Amino acid sequence: MSDTLRDRAQKVPDITDEQWQQVNSFNREKMEEFLYESIHLSQQSLTQYKSALRIFYTWVDEALNGKKIYQIKKKDFMRYQNFLARRGMSSNGIKLKRSAVSSMNKYLINFYEDEEEFATFRNFVEGVPTPSPNKVYNKVPLTKEEIQNVKDTLLENEHYQILAAFSTLYDSGCRRSEFIQFRKEIVNYESVKDKDGNSLGVYKTHDVRTKGAGEQGNVRYLLISDEAMSHIKLWLKHRGEDDCEYIFVSKRNDKYEGIHATAINYWFKEIISDIVGRRVNPHIIRASRSSHLIAENNGKLNKAQRLLGHKDSATTNSFYNLNEDDDDLGSMF
């Protein structure tokens, strides 16, 4: 669409198990050991690191004649980073692949410092300049009018599940991985009350796993409004009775199961973007929610920081404030 800044990168193909078995066995075994011992990483990070490291060490086999890890130098890694950049990969994509390789190098330095082979081994990622930031799409936040138009259009076209999903994502400012955990029990919860017992028109969810280190990540509740709750109830009424505990679902073999995050990408790419008239993704909705809160609170970050679950306000300002100290939950909605 019109907000595209450059062509998307040609995706580096995932390495199949058969391809992986052809990689230098020393590198392969050390990578698998690193992943097994990395209990501090979330499951999502482990999956991303596994893919990134397989791609890197397959490239090492092909471009560096199968050098062993401790033989790889900074100039070799620079060649790899340039290989990714020439394919048009975004700076964020390259940074993820750098992070995976660097983390493994640090592991090897810590655990193999007494091994003769690793006596002079250094983290060859360090010292290689990080790529200059680039973007595929402009981060154009949705206005409140655009948000309402999406809701109205989805309702008119009876896309009840997508309507409930869009309202929930906007209200809570949550990520896809958090949103897919929402369970039907939420509709039975009472709204948050103020100190005088009056309803604030806001609902806390059950605890969900959010982004953070370790298998469990961080655990916290999220917030949704009366309107989002009404959209959830409308969707569940339309869906009818079934045994699946999750609100957002897909149907396979006439049975509902919790939806996969990739389905949300499809909704945004094929339906919501069409309504808005430009490329929209779930992350832009999260940033839009944050930007609206910051604008409504005279540039103060505290409410947006709390809603998004950021420990550091700098994160909120850097990534989720697209605008160029009251903690009352009701005033967020």
Protein backbone atom coordinates (compact mmCIF):
# COMPACT_ATOMS: atom_id res chain seq x y z
CA MET A 1 0.00 0.00 0.00
CA SER A 2 1.01 3.66 -0.10
CA ASP A 3 2.92 3.57 3.19
CA THR A 4 5.45 0.99 1.94
CA LEU A 5 8.95 2.46 2.18
CA ARG A 6 10.87 -0.33 0.47
CA ASP A 7 10.39 -3.82 -0.91
CA ARG A 8 10.12 -6.55 1.68
CA ALA A 9 13.15 -8.80 2.06
CA GLN A 10 13.24 -12.16 0.38
CA LYS A 11 12.78 -14.47 3.36
CA VAL A 12 15.77 -16.60 4.29
CA PRO A 13 14.33 -20.13 4.09
CA ASP A 14 14.14 -22.10 7.33
CA ILE A 15 16.66 -24.92 7.50
CA THR A 16 15.07 -28.35 7.37
CA ASP A 17 16.15 -31.16 9.69
CA GLU A 18 17.70 -32.93 6.72
CA GLN A 19 19.74 -29.83 5.80
CA TRP A 20 20.76 -29.35 9.41
CA GLN A 21 22.20 -32.85 9.62
CA GLN A 22 24.66 -31.91 6.85
CA VAL A 23 26.12 -29.03 8.89
CA ASN A 24 29.52 -29.40 10.58
CA SER A 25 28.79 -31.75 13.48
CA PHE A 26 30.90 -29.75 15.95
CA ASN A 27 28.91 -26.55 15.33
CA ARG A 28 25.65 -28.46 15.32
CA GLU A 29 26.28 -30.15 18.66
CA LYS A 30 27.42 -26.94 20.35
CA MET A 31 24.33 -25.07 19.11
CA GLU A 32 21.98 -27.78 20.34
CA GLU A 33 23.76 -27.80 23.72
CA PHE A 34 23.43 -24.01 23.98
CA LEU A 35 19.67 -24.14 23.34
CA TYR A 36 19.18 -27.00 25.80
CA GLU A 37 21.00 -25.10 28.56
CA SER A 38 19.28 -21.75 27.88
CA ILE A 39 16.49 -22.19 30.41
CA HIS A 40 16.42 -18.40 30.92
CA LEU A 41 14.94 -17.93 27.45
CA SER A 42 11.22 -17.99 26.76
CA GLN A 43 9.86 -20.64 24.42
CA GLN A 44 9.31 -18.00 21.76
CA SER A 45 12.93 -16.81 22.04
CA LEU A 46 14.19 -20.40 21.87
CA THR A 47 12.25 -20.97 18.66
CA GLN A 48 13.59 -17.75 17.14
CA TYR A 49 17.16 -18.51 18.23
CA LYS A 50 16.99 -22.05 16.88
CA SER A 51 15.92 -20.78 13.45
CA ALA A 52 18.50 -17.96 13.43
CA LEU A 53 21.40 -20.20 14.49
CA ARG A 54 20.53 -22.91 12.00
CA ILE A 55 20.58 -20.30 9.23
CA PHE A 56 23.92 -18.91 10.42
CA TYR A 57 25.76 -22.23 10.74
CA THR A 58 24.37 -23.47 7.43
CA TRP A 59 25.78 -20.28 5.88
CA VAL A 60 29.10 -20.97 7.64
CA ASP A 61 29.18 -24.42 6.00
CA GLU A 62 28.47 -23.00 2.57
CA ALA A 63 30.42 -19.72 2.64
CA LEU A 64 33.26 -20.52 5.04
CA ASN A 65 33.86 -24.16 4.13
CA GLY A 66 32.48 -25.39 7.43
CA LYS A 67 34.73 -23.49 9.81
CA LYS A 68 34.35 -24.57 13.41
CA ILE A 69 32.90 -21.98 15.78
CA TYR A 70 36.19 -21.12 17.45
CA GLN A 71 37.76 -20.40 14.04
CA ILE A 72 35.17 -17.78 13.03
CA LYS A 73 36.39 -14.16 13.05
CA LYS A 74 34.76 -10.75 13.01
CA LYS A 75 35.40 -10.35 9.29
CA ASP A 76 33.48 -13.61 8.70
CA PHE A 77 30.50 -12.37 10.65
CA MET A 78 30.61 -9.08 8.78
CA ARG A 79 30.29 -11.09 5.55
CA TYR A 80 27.24 -12.86 7.00
CA GLN A 81 25.62 -9.61 8.10
CA ASN A 82 26.24 -8.15 4.64
CA PHE A 83 24.68 -11.26 3.11
CA LEU A 84 21.51 -10.61 5.11
CA ALA A 85 21.53 -6.89 4.27
CA ARG A 86 21.90 -7.56 0.54
CA ARG A 87 18.76 -9.67 0.70
CA GLY A 88 16.95 -6.57 1.95
CA MET A 89 16.43 -7.86 5.50
CA SER A 90 15.25 -5.21 7.95
CA SER A 91 17.64 -3.90 10.56
CA ASN A 92 15.46 -5.45 13.27
CA GLY A 93 15.63 -8.83 11.56
CA ILE A 94 19.42 -8.63 11.39
CA LYS A 95 19.61 -7.56 15.04
CA LEU A 96 17.64 -10.66 16.08
CA LYS A 97 20.06 -12.90 14.21
CA ARG A 98 23.03 -11.03 15.72
CA SER A 99 21.55 -11.50 19.18
CA ALA A 100 21.18 -15.26 18.72
CA VAL A 101 24.78 -15.72 17.58
CA SER A 102 26.16 -13.35 20.21
CA SER A 103 24.28 -15.12 23.02
CA MET A 104 25.66 -18.46 21.95
CA ASN A 105 29.19 -17.03 21.78
CA LYS A 106 28.87 -15.73 25.34
CA TYR A 107 27.70 -19.15 26.47
CA LEU A 108 30.73 -20.81 24.87
CA ILE A 109 33.14 -18.29 26.42
CA ASN A 110 31.69 -18.92 29.88
CA PHE A 111 31.54 -22.71 29.69
CA TYR A 112 34.55 -23.58 27.55
CA GLU A 113 37.16 -21.07 28.70
CA ASP A 114 39.38 -23.90 29.97
CA GLU A 115 39.21 -25.86 26.72
CA GLU A 116 42.31 -25.51 24.55
CA GLU A 117 40.27 -25.03 21.39
CA PHE A 118 38.49 -22.01 22.89
CA ALA A 119 41.53 -20.48 24.61
CA THR A 120 41.64 -17.52 22.21
CA PHE A 121 37.95 -17.51 21.26
CA ARG A 122 36.21 -14.13 21.34
CA ASN A 123 32.66 -13.04 20.69
CA PHE A 124 33.08 -12.26 17.00
CA VAL A 125 29.76 -10.39 16.88
CA GLU A 126 31.08 -7.65 19.14
CA GLY A 127 32.84 -4.95 17.20
CA VAL A 128 30.87 -5.59 14.02
CA PRO A 129 28.77 -2.43 13.49
CA THR A 130 25.03 -2.91 13.87
CA PRO A 131 23.05 -2.16 10.72
CA SER A 132 21.57 1.28 10.26
CA PRO A 133 17.86 1.35 11.16
CA ASN A 134 15.49 0.86 8.26
CA LYS A 135 11.77 0.28 7.94
CA VAL A 136 9.42 -1.56 5.63
CA TYR A 137 6.36 0.47 6.64
CA ASN A 138 5.78 3.86 8.15
CA LYS A 139 4.42 3.67 11.67
CA VAL A 140 1.22 5.59 11.05
CA PRO A 141 -1.03 5.40 14.12
CA LEU A 142 -4.75 5.04 13.61
CA THR A 143 -6.81 8.01 14.66
CA LYS A 144 -9.71 7.48 17.03
CA GLU A 145 -12.03 8.06 14.08
CA GLU A 146 -10.28 5.29 12.14
CA ILE A 147 -10.50 2.97 15.14
CA GLN A 148 -14.25 3.58 15.35
CA ASN A 149 -14.68 3.14 11.59
CA VAL A 150 -13.02 -0.28 11.75
CA LYS A 151 -15.36 -1.33 14.56
CA ASP A 152 -18.45 -0.05 12.74
CA THR A 153 -17.48 -1.77 9.49
CA LEU A 154 -16.71 -5.09 11.17
CA LEU A 155 -20.05 -4.95 12.99
CA GLU A 156 -21.95 -4.09 9.83
CA ASN A 157 -20.36 -7.02 8.00
CA GLU A 158 -20.98 -9.37 10.95
CA HIS A 159 -17.29 -10.14 11.47
CA TYR A 160 -18.02 -10.63 15.15
CA GLN A 161 -14.85 -12.48 16.15
CA ILE A 162 -12.60 -9.98 14.37
CA LEU A 163 -14.55 -7.12 15.96
CA ALA A 164 -14.06 -8.61 19.43
CA ALA A 165 -10.38 -9.19 18.66
CA PHE A 166 -9.79 -5.67 17.35
CA SER A 167 -11.55 -4.06 20.34
CA THR A 168 -9.63 -6.22 22.78
CA LEU A 169 -6.26 -5.59 21.16
CA TYR A 170 -6.83 -1.84 21.13
CA ASP A 171 -8.18 -1.60 24.68
CA SER A 172 -5.55 -3.76 26.33
CA GLY A 173 -2.63 -2.69 24.14
CA CYS A 174 -1.53 -6.32 24.30
CA ARG A 175 0.61 -8.39 21.98
CA ARG A 176 -0.72 -11.21 19.81
CA SER A 177 0.90 -13.84 22.03
CA GLU A 178 -0.96 -12.43 25.04
CA PHE A 179 -4.28 -11.92 23.30
CA ILE A 180 -4.62 -15.56 22.19
CA GLN A 181 -4.56 -16.67 25.85
CA PHE A 182 -7.87 -14.95 26.74
CA ARG A 183 -10.41 -17.42 28.11
CA LYS A 184 -14.21 -17.31 28.05
CA GLU A 185 -14.36 -17.01 31.84
CA ILE A 186 -13.62 -13.28 31.42
CA VAL A 187 -17.28 -12.59 30.55
CA ASN A 188 -18.27 -13.62 34.08
CA TYR A 189 -15.95 -11.16 35.79
CA GLU A 190 -17.26 -8.04 37.51
CA SER A 191 -15.95 -4.64 36.50
CA VAL A 192 -13.34 -2.83 38.56
CA LYS A 193 -14.89 -0.62 41.27
CA ASP A 194 -13.62 2.65 42.67
CA LYS A 195 -13.18 3.21 46.40
CA ASP A 196 -16.88 4.09 46.68
CA GLY A 197 -17.99 0.88 45.00
CA ASN A 198 -18.94 2.48 41.68
CA SER A 199 -18.18 0.65 38.44
CA LEU A 200 -15.35 2.10 36.36
CA GLY A 201 -16.46 0.35 33.20
CA VAL A 202 -13.15 -1.50 33.10
CA TYR A 203 -12.45 -5.24 33.44
CA LYS A 204 -9.31 -7.03 34.53
CA THR A 205 -8.55 -10.27 32.71
CA HIS A 206 -7.19 -13.40 34.31
CA ASP A 207 -3.39 -13.50 34.48
CA VAL A 208 -1.66 -14.01 31.15
CA ARG A 209 1.94 -14.74 30.24
CA THR A 210 3.52 -11.62 28.80
CA LYS A 211 6.91 -10.92 27.27
CA GLY A 212 9.81 -11.66 29.60
CA ALA A 213 12.66 -14.00 30.35
CA GLY A 214 12.17 -17.67 31.12
CA GLU A 215 9.59 -20.23 30.12
CA GLN A 216 6.78 -18.45 31.98
CA GLY A 217 7.75 -14.91 31.00
CA ASN A 218 6.11 -12.22 33.13
CA VAL A 219 2.59 -12.83 34.39
CA ARG A 220 0.03 -10.03 34.78
CA TYR A 221 -3.58 -9.12 34.09
CA LEU A 222 -4.68 -6.92 31.20
CA LEU A 223 -7.50 -4.37 30.95
CA ILE A 224 -10.50 -4.08 28.62
CA SER A 225 -13.48 -1.70 28.50
CA ASP A 226 -17.23 -2.21 28.63
CA GLU A 227 -17.34 -1.86 24.86
CA ALA A 228 -14.76 -4.60 24.25
CA MET A 229 -16.58 -6.81 26.73
CA SER A 230 -19.84 -6.29 24.82
CA HIS A 231 -18.08 -7.26 21.58
CA ILE A 232 -16.70 -10.42 23.20
CA LYS A 233 -20.17 -11.37 24.44
CA LEU A 234 -21.65 -10.72 21.01
CA TRP A 235 -19.07 -13.02 19.43
CA LEU A 236 -19.58 -15.79 21.99
CA LYS A 237 -23.37 -15.58 21.55
CA HIS A 238 -22.96 -15.94 17.81
CA ARG A 239 -20.46 -18.79 18.28
CA GLY A 240 -22.74 -20.81 20.54
CA GLU A 241 -21.86 -23.52 23.03
CA ASP A 242 -18.68 -25.56 22.65
CA ASP A 243 -15.95 -27.10 24.78
CA CYS A 244 -13.09 -24.76 23.84
CA GLU A 245 -12.08 -22.49 26.74
CA TYR A 246 -10.56 -19.75 24.59
CA ILE A 247 -12.40 -16.69 23.30
CA PHE A 248 -10.58 -16.44 19.99
CA VAL A 249 -10.64 -19.65 18.00
CA SER A 250 -10.31 -21.37 14.66
CA LYS A 251 -12.34 -24.35 13.54
CA ARG A 252 -10.78 -27.61 12.43
CA ASN A 253 -12.71 -30.81 11.75
CA ASP A 254 -15.87 -29.15 13.13
CA LYS A 255 -14.13 -28.46 16.43
CA TYR A 256 -12.96 -25.14 17.88
CA GLU A 257 -9.43 -24.69 19.20
CA GLY A 258 -7.44 -21.69 20.36
CA ILE A 259 -6.40 -19.48 17.49
CA HIS A 260 -2.81 -19.20 16.27
CA ALA A 261 -1.13 -15.80 16.20
CA THR A 262 -0.67 -16.02 12.43
CA ALA A 263 -4.45 -15.86 11.97
CA ILE A 264 -4.45 -12.40 13.54
CA ASN A 265 -1.89 -11.31 10.93
CA TYR A 266 -4.27 -12.49 8.21
CA TRP A 267 -7.18 -10.49 9.68
CA PHE A 268 -5.09 -7.34 9.72
CA LYS A 269 -3.54 -7.82 6.29
CA GLU A 270 -6.65 -8.85 4.39
CA ILE A 271 -9.55 -7.22 6.24
CA ILE A 272 -8.57 -4.43 8.64
CA SER A 273 -5.95 -2.91 6.33
CA ASP A 274 -8.55 -2.85 3.57
CA ILE A 275 -10.98 -0.96 5.82
CA VAL A 276 -8.36 1.60 6.89
CA GLY A 277 -6.87 2.00 3.42
CA ARG A 278 -3.24 1.41 4.37
CA ARG A 279 -1.11 -1.33 5.88
CA VAL A 280 -2.07 -2.00 9.52
CA ASN A 281 -0.73 -4.69 11.83
CA PRO A 282 -1.35 -5.58 15.51
CA HIS A 283 1.77 -3.75 16.62
CA ILE A 284 0.53 -0.49 15.13
CA ILE A 285 -2.72 -0.91 17.10
CA ARG A 286 -0.65 -1.29 20.28
CA ALA A 287 1.32 1.85 19.41
CA SER A 288 -1.87 3.72 18.50
CA ARG A 289 -3.38 2.92 21.90
CA SER A 290 -0.26 4.14 23.64
CA SER A 291 -0.10 7.32 21.57
CA HIS A 292 -3.73 8.16 22.31
CA LEU A 293 -3.19 7.72 26.05
CA ILE A 294 -0.08 9.88 26.02
CA ALA A 295 -1.83 12.63 24.04
CA GLU A 296 -4.82 12.59 26.40
CA ASN A 297 -2.51 12.95 29.40
CA ASN A 298 -0.49 15.95 28.23
CA GLY A 299 2.51 13.88 27.17
CA LYS A 300 2.79 11.94 30.42
CA LEU A 301 3.87 8.34 29.92
CA ASN A 302 2.73 6.73 33.16
CA LYS A 303 -0.66 5.41 32.01
CA ALA A 304 0.63 4.10 28.71
CA GLN A 305 3.60 2.52 30.50
CA ARG A 306 1.29 0.79 32.95
CA LEU A 307 -1.16 -0.40 30.31
CA LEU A 308 1.59 -1.86 28.11
CA GLY A 309 3.47 -3.41 31.03
CA HIS A 310 6.78 -1.67 30.42
CA LYS A 311 9.27 -1.56 33.28
CA ASP A 312 11.09 1.37 31.71
CA SER A 313 9.24 4.45 30.47
CA ALA A 314 11.96 4.90 27.83
CA THR A 315 10.58 1.84 26.06
CA THR A 316 7.13 3.39 25.99
CA ASN A 317 8.46 6.66 24.66
CA SER A 318 10.83 5.18 22.07
CA PHE A 319 8.61 2.57 20.50
CA TYR A 320 5.00 3.30 21.41
CA ASN A 321 4.73 7.08 21.43
CA LEU A 322 3.83 8.00 17.87
CA ASN A 323 2.82 11.54 18.79
CA GLU A 324 5.48 13.86 17.59
CA ASP A 325 -0.24 11.07 37.60
CA ASP A 326 -3.28 9.85 38.03
CA ASP A 327 -3.36 6.02 38.04
CA ASP A 328 -7.15 5.73 38.00
CA LEU A 329 -7.92 2.83 35.68
CA GLY A 330 -11.25 4.28 34.66
CA SER A 331 -9.62 7.28 33.02
CA MET A 332 -7.79 5.00 30.59
CA PHE A 333 -11.06 4.25 28.80
